[in-house]
Amino acid sequence: MRLSCLQENLSRGLSVVGRAVAARTTLPITQNVLISTDESRLKLSATNLEIAITTWIGAQIEEPGSITVPARLLTEFVSSLPAERIDMVTSDQPLNLALNCARFEGRVNGSDSADFPPIPTVESGVVSKIEPQALSDAIAHVAFAAATEDSRPALTGVKMEIQGDSLTFAAADGFRLAVYNAKLAEPSSEDASFIIPARALAEVHRLIGSQQEMVEFTVTPAKSQALFRLDNVEVVSQLVQGTFPNYSQLIPQAFESRAVVSLDDFMKATRTASIFARDGSGIVRIQVVGGEDGGPGKLSIVSRAEEVGENQGEIDAKVEGDEARIAFNSKYLSDVLNVLSEDEVALETTTPSSPGVLRPIGNDNYTHVVMPMFVQW
């Protein structure tokens, strides 16, 4: 293989695929990046056997070929080079990749590309297209609510349901539930339902960036893999096998109390309360109080730690229904408030031992349910 490309393009390409490189593995070659030529472009691929990322960059190809080399070493070396043209040549005895850039040169020992795990290809299945911003918003609103522990594998993923031109995302970890409804660019050829790892969606979210073109994704007929096709990047992920909870049954259909508050005020008060909550099991107590004679009500946010102290804050609220008390884990409350962008948010409650529901005002696409903490008032 003999080719040349620009240092900034190669560095950017390596950073794109780098997140799919295995960190700790029993298969050392998955810590490598596969470098190969594809017609008139340079193709970079990496996989940790759960997710595979492939990207293409412009290059001047003199001789086609392929090699796999340690990803971390190559990435650090290339990023340290000046923004000039890099000439790359492979040698067979011993197998290595030589790089020359300006007055710098390096030689990285490699392995035969035939030893690299095959990058999955998704040729057929349910194909859908979605606006990049719509997909990015959906992932941002739900992926953080997925479980991080593997004790219940299905909860480490995000349930995606395709019905016509509607795409629903749902994630839960046993303590909270996030549901987001998005629209496809055009109705899907058929309905589908599958669970994709939240980590894979997080990578797609990272790669969307400022993309303008539609994102195309394909799910294999066997529901075993999903492919996301972006600008010069493809992400293939294994799907999670298992049963996701019937999340629609977990969303309360009615409320006894509803408080509409300023998102900015709620975030600030929660952030302040969480300082004391850190030493008090992370508990934030919320009390909804109606106004007198039809006047504005208030939301009281309290946190206390026996050995440290306590904190109380109040914010204005438009209260509907009865007065209410409920306690949440401050982290779960902060997580959902941080992904909202609307001016106001509604908190709906029934009893102190029933889940609370947060809904952004002016956006019917998102519902977030948080399980309460049991506390002594």
Protein backbone atom coordinates (compact mmCIF):
# COMPACT_ATOMS: atom_id res chain seq x y z
CA MET A 1 0.00 0.00 0.00
CA ARG A 2 1.29 3.43 -0.92
CA LEU A 3 -0.72 6.62 -0.52
CA SER A 4 -0.70 10.19 0.73
CA CYS A 5 -3.28 12.30 2.55
CA LEU A 6 -3.50 15.43 4.67
CA GLN A 7 -2.52 15.20 8.34
CA GLU A 8 -5.70 16.95 9.55
CA ASN A 9 -7.94 14.58 7.57
CA LEU A 10 -6.16 11.49 8.89
CA SER A 11 -6.18 12.80 12.45
CA ARG A 12 -9.91 13.56 12.23
CA GLY A 13 -10.62 10.11 10.76
CA LEU A 14 -8.70 8.35 13.51
CA SER A 15 -10.61 10.30 16.18
CA VAL A 16 -13.91 9.25 14.56
CA VAL A 17 -13.16 5.51 14.66
CA GLY A 18 -11.16 5.67 17.89
CA ARG A 19 -14.24 5.41 20.11
CA ALA A 20 -14.92 1.91 18.72
CA VAL A 21 -11.44 0.66 19.62
CA ALA A 22 -11.57 -1.89 22.44
CA ALA A 23 -10.09 -0.59 25.71
CA ARG A 24 -9.76 -3.87 27.58
CA THR A 25 -10.13 -7.06 25.60
CA THR A 26 -9.14 -10.69 25.36
CA LEU A 27 -8.67 -10.17 21.62
CA PRO A 28 -5.68 -7.80 21.32
CA ILE A 29 -6.20 -7.06 17.62
CA THR A 30 -9.41 -5.17 18.45
CA GLN A 31 -7.12 -2.49 19.93
CA ASN A 32 -5.96 -1.85 16.35
CA VAL A 33 -7.37 0.24 13.53
CA LEU A 34 -7.80 -1.29 10.08
CA ILE A 35 -6.35 0.89 7.32
CA SER A 36 -7.27 0.02 3.75
CA THR A 37 -7.81 1.60 0.35
CA ASP A 38 -11.30 1.84 -1.14
CA GLU A 39 -11.17 3.02 -4.75
CA SER A 40 -9.78 6.57 -4.48
CA ARG A 41 -10.26 6.96 -0.72
CA LEU A 42 -8.61 5.81 2.48
CA LYS A 43 -10.85 3.67 4.67
CA LEU A 44 -10.41 3.47 8.45
CA SER A 45 -12.28 0.90 10.56
CA ALA A 46 -12.36 -0.10 14.23
CA THR A 47 -14.51 -2.47 16.27
CA ASN A 48 -14.86 -3.72 19.83
CA LEU A 49 -17.15 -6.53 18.58
CA GLU A 50 -20.24 -4.68 19.87
CA ILE A 51 -19.95 -1.58 17.74
CA ALA A 52 -17.99 -0.94 14.54
CA ILE A 53 -17.22 2.49 13.07
CA THR A 54 -15.93 3.04 9.55
CA THR A 55 -14.99 6.34 7.96
CA TRP A 56 -13.55 7.40 4.61
CA ILE A 57 -11.16 10.27 3.91
CA GLY A 58 -9.77 11.68 0.70
CA ALA A 59 -6.36 10.36 -0.32
CA GLN A 60 -4.06 9.99 -3.31
CA ILE A 61 -3.74 6.24 -3.80
CA GLU A 62 -0.68 4.97 -5.66
CA GLU A 63 -0.85 1.31 -4.64
CA PRO A 64 -3.89 -0.33 -2.99
CA GLY A 65 -3.51 -2.48 0.10
CA SER A 66 -4.39 -2.83 3.76
CA ILE A 67 -2.83 -3.22 7.20
CA THR A 68 -3.94 -3.09 10.83
CA VAL A 69 -1.86 -1.19 13.42
CA PRO A 70 -2.26 -0.19 17.11
CA ALA A 71 -4.89 2.56 17.15
CA ARG A 72 -3.74 4.53 20.18
CA LEU A 73 -0.11 4.74 19.07
CA LEU A 74 -1.02 5.78 15.52
CA THR A 75 -3.56 8.36 16.70
CA GLU A 76 -1.16 10.03 19.13
CA PHE A 77 1.65 10.06 16.56
CA VAL A 78 -0.47 11.51 13.75
CA SER A 79 -2.01 14.19 16.00
CA SER A 80 1.49 15.36 16.97
CA LEU A 81 2.57 15.90 13.34
CA PRO A 82 2.44 19.26 11.55
CA ALA A 83 -0.53 20.05 9.30
CA GLU A 84 1.22 18.85 6.16
CA ARG A 85 0.88 15.96 3.72
CA ILE A 86 1.52 12.50 5.13
CA ASP A 87 3.01 9.79 2.90
CA MET A 88 2.25 6.23 4.01
CA VAL A 89 3.88 3.04 2.75
CA THR A 90 3.56 -0.55 4.01
CA SER A 91 6.41 -3.04 4.10
CA ASP A 92 6.07 -6.83 4.27
CA GLN A 93 9.24 -7.97 6.04
CA PRO A 94 8.58 -7.15 8.84
CA LEU A 95 4.99 -5.99 8.36
CA ASN A 96 4.82 -2.30 9.24
CA LEU A 97 3.48 1.09 8.21
CA ALA A 98 5.93 3.90 7.50
CA LEU A 99 4.71 7.51 7.75
CA ASN A 100 6.52 10.60 6.51
CA CYS A 101 5.31 14.14 7.19
CA ALA A 102 7.48 17.22 6.60
CA ARG A 103 10.69 16.47 8.55
CA PHE A 104 9.15 13.75 10.72
CA GLU A 105 8.94 10.06 10.06
CA GLY A 106 7.74 7.03 11.98
CA ARG A 107 7.35 3.30 11.54
CA VAL A 108 4.55 1.36 13.25
CA ASN A 109 4.59 -2.42 13.43
CA GLY A 110 1.33 -3.95 12.25
CA SER A 111 -0.58 -7.16 11.61
CA ASP A 112 -2.14 -8.77 8.58
CA SER A 113 -5.54 -7.24 7.85
CA ALA A 114 -6.91 -10.76 7.37
CA ASP A 115 -6.55 -11.26 11.15
CA PHE A 116 -8.82 -8.29 11.89
CA PRO A 117 -12.43 -9.15 12.88
CA PRO A 118 -14.74 -8.70 9.87
CA ILE A 119 -16.67 -5.43 9.95
CA PRO A 120 -20.39 -6.33 9.80
CA THR A 121 -22.32 -5.25 6.74
CA VAL A 122 -26.04 -4.56 6.73
CA GLU A 123 -27.27 -4.95 3.18
CA SER A 124 -31.02 -5.35 3.70
CA GLY A 125 -33.75 -4.83 6.27
CA VAL A 126 -36.04 -2.05 7.47
CA VAL A 127 -34.63 1.23 6.09
CA SER A 128 -35.59 4.61 7.57
CA LYS A 129 -34.39 8.19 7.21
CA ILE A 130 -34.48 10.96 9.78
CA GLU A 131 -33.33 14.57 10.03
CA PRO A 132 -29.97 14.69 11.86
CA GLN A 133 -31.19 17.30 14.36
CA ALA A 134 -34.29 15.25 15.18
CA LEU A 135 -32.16 12.16 15.82
CA SER A 136 -29.65 14.14 17.87
CA ASP A 137 -32.41 15.64 20.04
CA ALA A 138 -34.04 12.24 20.61
CA ILE A 139 -30.77 10.60 21.69
CA ALA A 140 -29.89 13.49 24.01
CA HIS A 141 -33.27 13.22 25.75
CA VAL A 142 -33.24 9.47 26.43
CA ALA A 143 -29.78 7.83 26.29
CA PHE A 144 -28.71 9.09 29.74
CA ALA A 145 -31.64 7.25 31.37
CA ALA A 146 -30.44 3.80 30.25
CA ALA A 147 -28.87 1.49 32.83
CA THR A 148 -25.08 1.28 33.02
CA GLU A 149 -24.94 -2.07 34.82
CA ASP A 150 -25.33 -5.30 32.87
CA SER A 151 -27.50 -7.11 35.44
CA ARG A 152 -30.51 -6.51 33.16
CA PRO A 153 -29.05 -6.28 29.64
CA ALA A 154 -32.26 -5.00 28.03
CA LEU A 155 -32.14 -1.88 30.22
CA THR A 156 -28.65 -0.95 28.97
CA GLY A 157 -30.26 -0.25 25.61
CA VAL A 158 -32.79 2.16 24.15
CA LYS A 159 -36.05 0.72 22.84
CA MET A 160 -36.77 2.07 19.35
CA GLU A 161 -40.19 1.60 17.80
CA ILE A 162 -40.98 2.46 14.19
CA GLN A 163 -44.63 2.90 13.20
CA GLY A 164 -45.28 4.59 9.88
CA ASP A 165 -43.48 7.95 10.07
CA SER A 166 -43.27 7.86 13.88
CA LEU A 167 -40.13 6.84 15.77
CA THR A 168 -40.31 6.38 19.55
CA PHE A 169 -37.26 6.17 21.83
CA ALA A 170 -37.56 4.82 25.38
CA ALA A 171 -34.89 4.21 28.05
CA ALA A 172 -35.19 3.12 31.67
CA ASP A 173 -32.86 1.97 34.45
CA GLY A 174 -35.41 0.94 37.08
CA PHE A 175 -35.40 4.38 38.74
CA ARG A 176 -36.44 6.59 35.83
CA LEU A 177 -37.98 6.39 32.38
CA ALA A 178 -37.49 8.70 29.40
CA VAL A 179 -39.75 8.55 26.32
CA TYR A 180 -39.26 10.73 23.23
CA ASN A 181 -41.31 10.78 20.03
CA ALA A 182 -39.67 11.85 16.76
CA LYS A 183 -40.81 11.99 13.14
CA LEU A 184 -39.12 10.17 10.28
CA ALA A 185 -38.41 12.02 7.04
CA GLU A 186 -40.78 9.61 5.28
CA PRO A 187 -42.93 6.65 6.40
CA SER A 188 -40.98 3.42 6.92
CA SER A 189 -41.57 0.48 4.60
CA GLU A 190 -42.61 -1.61 7.61
CA ASP A 191 -43.00 -1.31 11.36
CA ALA A 192 -40.17 -2.51 13.58
CA SER A 193 -39.20 -2.67 17.25
CA PHE A 194 -35.70 -3.32 18.63
CA ILE A 195 -33.29 -2.46 21.45
CA ILE A 196 -30.03 -0.73 20.57
CA PRO A 197 -27.19 -0.22 23.11
CA ALA A 198 -27.26 3.28 24.59
CA ARG A 199 -23.47 3.45 24.08
CA ALA A 200 -23.95 2.98 20.33
CA LEU A 201 -26.53 5.78 20.17
CA ALA A 202 -24.19 8.02 22.15
CA GLU A 203 -21.54 7.50 19.46
CA VAL A 204 -24.05 8.32 16.71
CA HIS A 205 -24.98 11.48 18.62
CA ARG A 206 -21.30 12.46 18.86
CA LEU A 207 -20.75 11.91 15.14
CA ILE A 208 -23.83 13.77 13.87
CA GLY A 209 -22.23 17.13 14.68
CA SER A 210 -23.30 19.72 12.11
CA GLN A 211 -24.42 17.19 9.50
CA GLN A 212 -27.06 18.48 7.08
CA GLU A 213 -27.86 15.32 5.10
CA MET A 214 -30.47 12.84 6.26
CA VAL A 215 -29.28 10.03 8.55
CA GLU A 216 -30.19 6.65 7.11
CA PHE A 217 -30.46 3.65 9.39
CA THR A 218 -31.15 0.03 8.56
CA VAL A 219 -32.18 -2.81 10.87
CA THR A 220 -31.51 -6.37 9.74
CA PRO A 221 -34.55 -8.65 9.27
CA ALA A 222 -33.35 -10.81 12.18
CA LYS A 223 -33.14 -7.71 14.47
CA SER A 224 -29.53 -8.55 15.25
CA GLN A 225 -27.73 -5.45 13.91
CA ALA A 226 -28.41 -1.83 13.03
CA LEU A 227 -26.48 0.39 10.63
CA PHE A 228 -26.41 4.20 10.83
CA ARG A 229 -25.09 5.91 7.69
CA LEU A 230 -23.82 9.48 8.13
CA ASP A 231 -21.56 11.72 6.03
CA ASN A 232 -18.56 9.51 5.18
CA VAL A 233 -19.17 7.49 8.37
CA GLU A 234 -20.95 4.20 9.04
CA VAL A 235 -21.78 2.88 12.51
CA VAL A 236 -22.85 -0.75 12.89
CA SER A 237 -24.06 -1.95 16.28
CA GLN A 238 -25.13 -5.31 17.63
CA LEU A 239 -28.67 -5.10 18.99
CA VAL A 240 -29.62 -6.12 22.53
CA GLN A 241 -31.63 -9.31 22.74
CA GLY A 242 -34.21 -9.39 25.51
CA THR A 243 -37.55 -8.00 26.60
CA PHE A 244 -37.93 -4.32 27.35
CA PRO A 245 -40.54 -3.36 29.97
CA ASN A 246 -43.94 -2.19 28.74
CA TYR A 247 -43.03 1.41 29.40
CA SER A 248 -46.44 2.88 28.53
CA GLN A 249 -47.83 1.21 31.66
CA LEU A 250 -45.21 2.97 33.79
CA ILE A 251 -46.37 6.48 32.84
CA PRO A 252 -49.05 7.79 35.23
CA GLN A 253 -52.19 8.70 33.30
CA ALA A 254 -53.49 11.23 35.85
CA PHE A 255 -52.20 13.57 38.53
CA GLU A 256 -53.38 15.08 41.80
CA SER A 257 -51.01 18.04 41.64
CA ARG A 258 -49.35 19.90 38.76
CA ALA A 259 -46.82 22.69 39.12
CA VAL A 260 -45.50 24.66 36.15
CA VAL A 261 -42.21 26.42 36.90
CA SER A 262 -39.42 28.23 35.11
CA LEU A 263 -36.87 25.68 33.89
CA ASP A 264 -33.99 28.02 34.70
CA ASP A 265 -35.23 28.65 38.25
CA PHE A 266 -35.85 24.93 38.84
CA MET A 267 -32.34 24.04 37.62
CA LYS A 268 -30.68 26.63 39.86
CA ALA A 269 -32.67 25.58 42.93
CA THR A 270 -31.96 21.89 42.28
CA ARG A 271 -28.26 22.59 41.78
CA THR A 272 -28.12 24.47 45.08
CA ALA A 273 -30.02 21.75 46.94
CA SER A 274 -27.77 19.03 45.54
CA ILE A 275 -24.79 20.55 47.37
CA PHE A 276 -26.30 19.52 50.70
CA ALA A 277 -27.94 16.42 49.22
CA ARG A 278 -24.52 14.94 48.47
CA ASP A 279 -24.10 14.18 52.17
CA GLY A 280 -27.74 13.22 52.66
CA SER A 281 -28.14 10.21 50.35
CA GLY A 282 -28.72 12.53 47.40
CA ILE A 283 -32.27 13.28 48.51
CA VAL A 284 -34.06 16.46 47.46
CA ARG A 285 -37.50 17.11 49.00
CA ILE A 286 -40.04 19.03 46.93
CA GLN A 287 -43.21 20.59 48.28
CA VAL A 288 -45.90 22.07 46.03
CA VAL A 289 -47.97 24.81 47.67
CA GLY A 290 -50.91 26.50 45.99
CA GLY A 291 -51.38 30.26 46.04
CA GLU A 292 -53.94 32.04 48.16
CA ASP A 293 -57.04 33.46 46.49
CA GLY A 294 -55.93 32.26 43.08
CA GLY A 295 -52.49 33.86 43.35
CA PRO A 296 -49.24 32.22 42.24
CA GLY A 297 -48.13 29.15 44.14
CA LYS A 298 -44.63 28.05 44.96
CA LEU A 299 -42.30 25.08 44.78
CA SER A 300 -40.19 24.53 47.90
CA ILE A 301 -36.97 22.56 47.36
CA VAL A 302 -35.25 21.29 50.51
CA SER A 303 -32.17 19.17 51.16
CA ARG A 304 -30.52 18.27 54.43
CA ALA A 305 -27.64 16.24 55.76
CA GLU A 306 -27.58 15.49 59.46
CA GLU A 307 -23.90 16.28 60.02
CA VAL A 308 -23.54 19.11 57.51
CA GLY A 309 -26.65 21.27 57.49
CA GLU A 310 -29.66 22.00 55.37
CA ASN A 311 -30.86 24.17 52.53
CA GLN A 312 -34.25 25.46 51.40
CA GLY A 313 -35.14 27.33 48.26
CA GLU A 314 -38.44 28.57 46.84
CA ILE A 315 -39.47 29.32 43.26
CA ASP A 316 -42.75 30.61 41.81
CA ALA A 317 -45.11 28.03 40.36
CA LYS A 318 -48.47 27.89 38.63
CA VAL A 319 -50.16 25.21 40.72
CA GLU A 320 -53.10 23.11 39.63
CA GLY A 321 -54.75 20.65 42.02
CA ASP A 322 -53.80 19.75 45.58
CA GLU A 323 -50.71 20.56 47.59
CA ALA A 324 -48.11 17.80 47.26
CA ARG A 325 -44.89 16.41 48.68
CA ILE A 326 -42.39 14.20 46.93
CA ALA A 327 -38.66 13.43 47.21
CA PHE A 328 -36.25 12.63 44.38
CA ASN A 329 -32.63 11.66 43.92
CA SER A 330 -30.98 14.98 43.07
CA LYS A 331 -28.90 13.44 40.27
CA TYR A 332 -31.94 12.06 38.48
CA LEU A 333 -33.68 15.41 38.75
CA SER A 334 -30.64 17.35 37.50
CA ASP A 335 -30.06 14.92 34.61
CA VAL A 336 -33.48 15.51 33.08
CA LEU A 337 -33.53 19.27 33.67
CA ASN A 338 -30.14 19.58 31.94
CA VAL A 339 -31.42 18.12 28.65
CA LEU A 340 -34.48 20.37 28.42
CA SER A 341 -34.37 23.59 26.43
CA GLU A 342 -37.89 24.94 26.89
CA ASP A 343 -38.66 27.93 29.13
CA GLU A 344 -41.00 26.07 31.48
CA VAL A 345 -41.42 22.54 32.80
CA ALA A 346 -44.37 20.85 34.51
CA LEU A 347 -44.01 18.54 37.52
CA GLU A 348 -46.97 16.19 37.94
CA THR A 349 -47.45 14.11 41.10
CA THR A 350 -50.12 11.93 42.72
CA THR A 351 -48.79 10.69 46.09
CA PRO A 352 -45.37 10.86 47.80
CA SER A 353 -44.87 7.17 46.99
CA SER A 354 -45.93 7.38 43.32
CA PRO A 355 -43.70 8.32 40.40
CA GLY A 356 -43.34 11.98 39.47
CA VAL A 357 -43.65 13.08 35.84
CA LEU A 358 -41.73 15.94 34.22
CA ARG A 359 -42.97 17.37 30.93
CA PRO A 360 -41.52 20.38 29.07
CA ILE A 361 -44.18 23.01 28.35
CA GLY A 362 -44.66 23.55 24.62
CA ASN A 363 -43.17 20.19 23.64
CA ASP A 364 -45.47 17.17 23.69
CA ASN A 365 -42.74 14.86 22.37
CA TYR A 366 -41.05 14.17 25.71
CA THR A 367 -42.10 12.53 28.96
CA HIS A 368 -39.79 11.76 31.87
CA VAL A 369 -40.83 9.65 34.86
CA VAL A 370 -38.77 9.58 38.08
CA MET A 371 -39.35 7.15 40.94
CA PRO A 372 -39.67 8.85 44.34
CA MET A 373 -37.40 8.42 47.36
CA PHE A 374 -39.04 7.32 50.61
CA VAL A 375 -38.25 9.84 53.36
CA GLN A 376 -39.44 11.03 56.74
CA TRP A 377 -41.01 14.46 56.39
